[in-house]
Protein backbone atom coordinates (compact mmCIF):
# COMPACT_ATOMS: atom_id res chain seq x y z
CA UNK A 1 3.08 15.75 8.18
CA UNK A 2 5.73 16.05 5.83
CA UNK A 3 8.16 12.73 4.85
CA UNK A 4 11.55 13.29 6.41
CA UNK A 5 14.55 13.85 4.29
CA UNK A 6 16.09 10.40 4.99
CA UNK A 7 12.58 9.04 3.37
CA UNK A 8 12.94 11.42 0.40
CA UNK A 9 16.51 10.32 -0.13
CA UNK A 10 16.00 6.45 0.17
CA UNK A 11 13.01 6.92 -2.05
CA UNK A 12 14.65 8.91 -4.68
CA UNK A 13 17.81 6.78 -4.99
CA UNK A 14 15.72 3.02 -5.30
CA UNK A 15 13.50 5.12 -7.66
CA UNK A 16 15.91 5.74 -9.87
CA UNK A 17 17.96 2.47 -9.53
CA UNK A 18 14.63 0.96 -10.78
CA UNK A 19 13.90 3.29 -13.47
CA UNK A 20 17.64 2.31 -14.86
CA UNK A 21 16.98 -1.24 -14.30
CA UNK A 22 13.31 -1.71 -15.60
CA UNK A 23 12.34 0.86 -17.90
CA UNK A 24 15.87 1.14 -19.66
CA UNK A 25 14.82 -1.33 -22.49
CA UNK A 26 13.77 0.21 -25.54
CA UNK A 27 11.65 -3.09 -26.25
CA UNK A 28 8.93 -2.14 -23.72
CA UNK A 29 5.70 -1.34 -25.04
CA UNK A 30 3.98 1.71 -23.43
CA UNK A 31 1.79 -0.40 -21.06
CA UNK A 32 4.81 -2.45 -20.19
CA UNK A 33 6.63 0.63 -19.54
CA UNK A 34 3.85 2.35 -17.27
CA UNK A 35 3.64 -1.16 -15.20
CA UNK A 36 7.33 -1.04 -14.32
CA UNK A 37 7.34 2.75 -13.26
CA UNK A 38 4.36 1.85 -11.09
CA UNK A 39 6.07 -0.95 -9.46
CA UNK A 40 9.24 0.93 -9.23
CA UNK A 41 7.90 3.44 -7.62
CA UNK A 42 5.70 1.45 -5.08
CA UNK A 43 8.86 -0.54 -4.38
CA UNK A 44 11.03 3.07 -3.95
CA UNK A 45 8.13 4.17 -1.21
CA UNK A 46 7.87 0.74 0.60
CA UNK A 47 11.42 0.52 0.98
CA UNK A 48 12.30 3.91 1.81
CA UNK A 49 9.56 3.33 4.84
CA UNK A 50 11.13 -0.09 5.96
CA UNK A 51 9.87 -1.11 9.65
CA UNK A 52 6.12 -0.21 8.60
CA UNK A 53 4.03 -3.46 8.38
CA UNK A 54 2.27 -2.29 5.30
CA UNK A 55 5.49 -1.73 3.45
CA UNK A 56 6.37 -5.34 4.36
CA UNK A 57 2.94 -6.39 3.12
CA UNK A 58 3.32 -4.24 -0.22
CA UNK A 59 6.72 -5.47 -0.93
CA UNK A 60 5.60 -9.34 -0.17
CA UNK A 61 2.43 -9.07 -2.14
CA UNK A 62 4.42 -7.85 -5.50
CA UNK A 63 6.99 -10.29 -4.91
CA UNK A 64 4.02 -13.09 -5.69
CA UNK A 65 3.98 -12.10 -9.39
CA UNK A 66 6.43 -14.15 -10.92
CA UNK A 67 7.16 -11.12 -13.74
CA UNK A 68 8.12 -8.63 -10.93
CA UNK A 69 10.90 -10.77 -9.07
CA UNK A 70 13.49 -9.77 -11.16
CA UNK A 71 12.92 -5.74 -10.97
CA UNK A 72 12.44 -5.97 -7.15
CA UNK A 73 15.89 -7.98 -7.07
CA UNK A 74 17.50 -5.24 -8.67
CA UNK A 75 15.73 -2.46 -7.16
CA UNK A 76 16.27 -4.35 -3.29
CA UNK A 77 19.57 -5.99 -3.98
CA UNK A 78 20.65 -7.83 -0.89
CA UNK A 79 17.66 -6.58 1.18
CA UNK A 80 15.31 -8.77 -1.47
CA UNK A 81 15.37 -12.35 0.75
CA UNK A 82 14.93 -10.04 3.95
CA UNK A 83 11.99 -8.18 2.46
CA UNK A 84 10.32 -11.16 0.67
CA UNK A 85 10.02 -13.32 3.71
CA UNK A 86 6.96 -13.67 5.49
CA UNK A 87 6.42 -11.74 8.55
CA UNK A 88 5.27 -13.60 11.56
CA UNK A 89 4.98 -10.96 14.07
CA UNK A 90 1.51 -10.00 12.07
CA UNK A 91 0.34 -13.00 13.38
CA UNK A 92 -2.44 -12.50 16.73
CA UNK A 93 -1.15 -13.95 20.15
CA UNK A 94 -3.39 -16.99 20.86
CA UNK A 95 -4.66 -14.94 24.31
CA UNK A 96 -6.01 -11.71 21.88
CA UNK A 97 -7.98 -14.58 19.42
CA UNK A 98 -9.71 -16.51 21.91
CA UNK A 99 -10.61 -12.62 24.07
CA UNK A 100 -11.68 -11.55 20.36
CA UNK A 101 -13.75 -14.50 20.18
CA UNK A 102 -15.44 -14.29 23.12
CA UNK A 103 -15.94 -10.46 22.86
CA UNK A 104 -17.51 -11.31 19.04
CA UNK A 105 -19.94 -13.97 20.97
CA UNK A 106 -20.48 -11.03 23.92
CA UNK A 107 -21.61 -8.63 21.04
CA UNK A 108 -23.80 -11.23 19.38
CA UNK A 109 -25.46 -11.97 22.63
CA UNK A 110 -26.13 -8.48 23.00
CA UNK A 111 -27.20 -7.80 19.62
CA UNK A 112 -29.73 -10.30 19.84
CA UNK A 113 -31.18 -8.92 22.69
CA UNK A 114 -31.51 -5.64 21.25
CA UNK A 115 -32.92 -6.57 17.93
CA UNK A 116 -36.02 -7.75 20.32
CA UNK A 117 -36.26 -4.14 21.64
CA UNK A 118 -35.44 -2.79 18.06
CA UNK A 119 -32.85 -1.19 16.41
CA UNK A 120 -31.29 1.74 17.79
CA UNK A 121 -29.00 4.47 16.79
CA UNK A 122 -25.97 2.96 18.41
CA UNK A 123 -26.06 -0.25 16.77
CA UNK A 124 -26.42 1.26 13.42
CA UNK A 125 -23.03 3.62 14.27
CA UNK A 126 -21.27 -0.21 15.22
CA UNK A 127 -22.24 -1.87 11.86
CA UNK A 128 -21.17 1.21 9.82
CA UNK A 129 -17.96 1.28 11.83
CA UNK A 130 -17.56 -2.10 11.54
CA UNK A 131 -17.99 -2.01 7.52
CA UNK A 132 -15.41 0.57 7.01
CA UNK A 133 -12.63 -1.00 9.15
CA UNK A 134 -13.48 -3.97 6.56
CA UNK A 135 -12.96 -1.96 3.68
CA UNK A 136 -9.60 0.05 5.22
CA UNK A 137 -8.16 -2.85 5.92
CA UNK A 138 -8.44 -4.09 2.38
CA UNK A 139 -7.22 -0.90 1.07
CA UNK A 140 -4.35 -1.17 3.06
CA UNK A 141 -1.12 -3.94 2.46
CA UNK A 142 -1.27 -6.24 5.42
CA UNK A 143 -4.29 -4.48 7.13
CA UNK A 144 -6.10 -7.80 6.90
CA UNK A 145 -3.31 -8.88 9.66
CA UNK A 146 -3.90 -5.69 11.52
CA UNK A 147 -6.17 -5.05 14.97
CA UNK A 148 -8.11 -1.47 15.15
CA UNK A 149 -5.59 0.42 16.42
CA UNK A 150 -2.75 -0.53 14.70
CA UNK A 151 -4.85 -0.40 11.84
CA UNK A 152 -5.35 3.61 12.13
CA UNK A 153 -1.77 4.39 12.70
CA UNK A 154 -0.30 2.13 9.47
CA UNK A 155 -3.16 4.10 7.11
CA UNK A 156 -2.13 7.21 8.47
CA UNK A 157 1.65 6.22 7.75
CA UNK A 158 0.68 4.73 4.35
CA UNK A 159 -1.09 7.78 3.25
CA UNK A 160 1.48 9.98 4.04
CA UNK A 161 4.04 7.83 2.16
CA UNK A 162 1.74 7.46 -0.47
CA UNK A 163 1.42 11.80 -0.46
CA UNK A 164 5.35 11.72 -0.55
CA UNK A 165 5.52 9.19 -3.27
CA UNK A 166 2.95 11.67 -5.57
CA UNK A 167 5.37 14.95 -4.52
CA UNK A 168 8.35 13.37 -5.42
CA UNK A 169 7.42 12.07 -8.77
CA UNK A 170 6.16 15.15 -9.50
CA UNK A 171 9.51 16.70 -8.64
CA UNK A 172 11.02 13.89 -11.01
CA UNK A 173 8.92 14.45 -13.66
CA UNK A 174 9.84 18.28 -13.20
CA UNK A 175 13.53 17.59 -13.00
CA UNK A 176 13.42 15.55 -15.89
CA UNK A 177 11.56 18.02 -17.99
CA UNK A 178 9.26 15.83 -18.98
CA UNK A 179 6.09 17.46 -21.55
CA UNK A 180 2.83 17.06 -19.48
CA UNK A 181 1.30 13.62 -20.79
CA UNK A 182 -2.15 14.35 -20.87
CA UNK A 183 -1.18 17.34 -23.59
CA UNK A 184 0.43 14.62 -26.20
CA UNK A 185 -1.89 11.73 -25.46
CA UNK A 186 -5.33 12.87 -26.70
CA UNK A 187 -7.10 10.93 -29.33
CA UNK A 188 -9.26 12.19 -32.23
CA UNK A 189 -12.18 12.28 -29.93
CA UNK A 190 -10.17 14.25 -27.53
CA UNK A 191 -9.93 11.70 -25.23
CA UNK A 192 -7.26 10.74 -23.30
CA UNK A 193 -5.53 7.50 -24.18
CA UNK A 194 -4.61 6.27 -21.02
């Protein structure tokens, strides 16, 4: 699966805009420049994928830090206010919460009965699935607000967008003819400096 041409165009436009506004200063240290480039790439990717829940959550998380806000405003422009506003659609409807609560209670009762009979393979697999789901919810921006089926869709979309981000960053490096930083930044011991 590849990113669409419109995603690529929007990403590149906002990436270049962010690089012009956020990295052009000569007073920046290497670490500040590195953070600004990462922030720019993340915001450009999230803006290009507007409409996905993870993209809104990523922009919300980045806007919580005051040092990011000026760069975010310059990249997002008029869309800044809309994209940094909390999204209420993530909240589960009350009926769904009640249903989940009753399902959890039913599961606990069944689990208690199973423990009396001994642990079986199905319960071990179910526990592993729950653990993996919790980890996935922490990895995907906004994942903690999603149910399991939405989480899988958002994860797939997020991974595809990350892959497209990496590909586009490689293209930018080639287009700008930047030398390989791994060759330039070796210390005396032969280790990479960053």
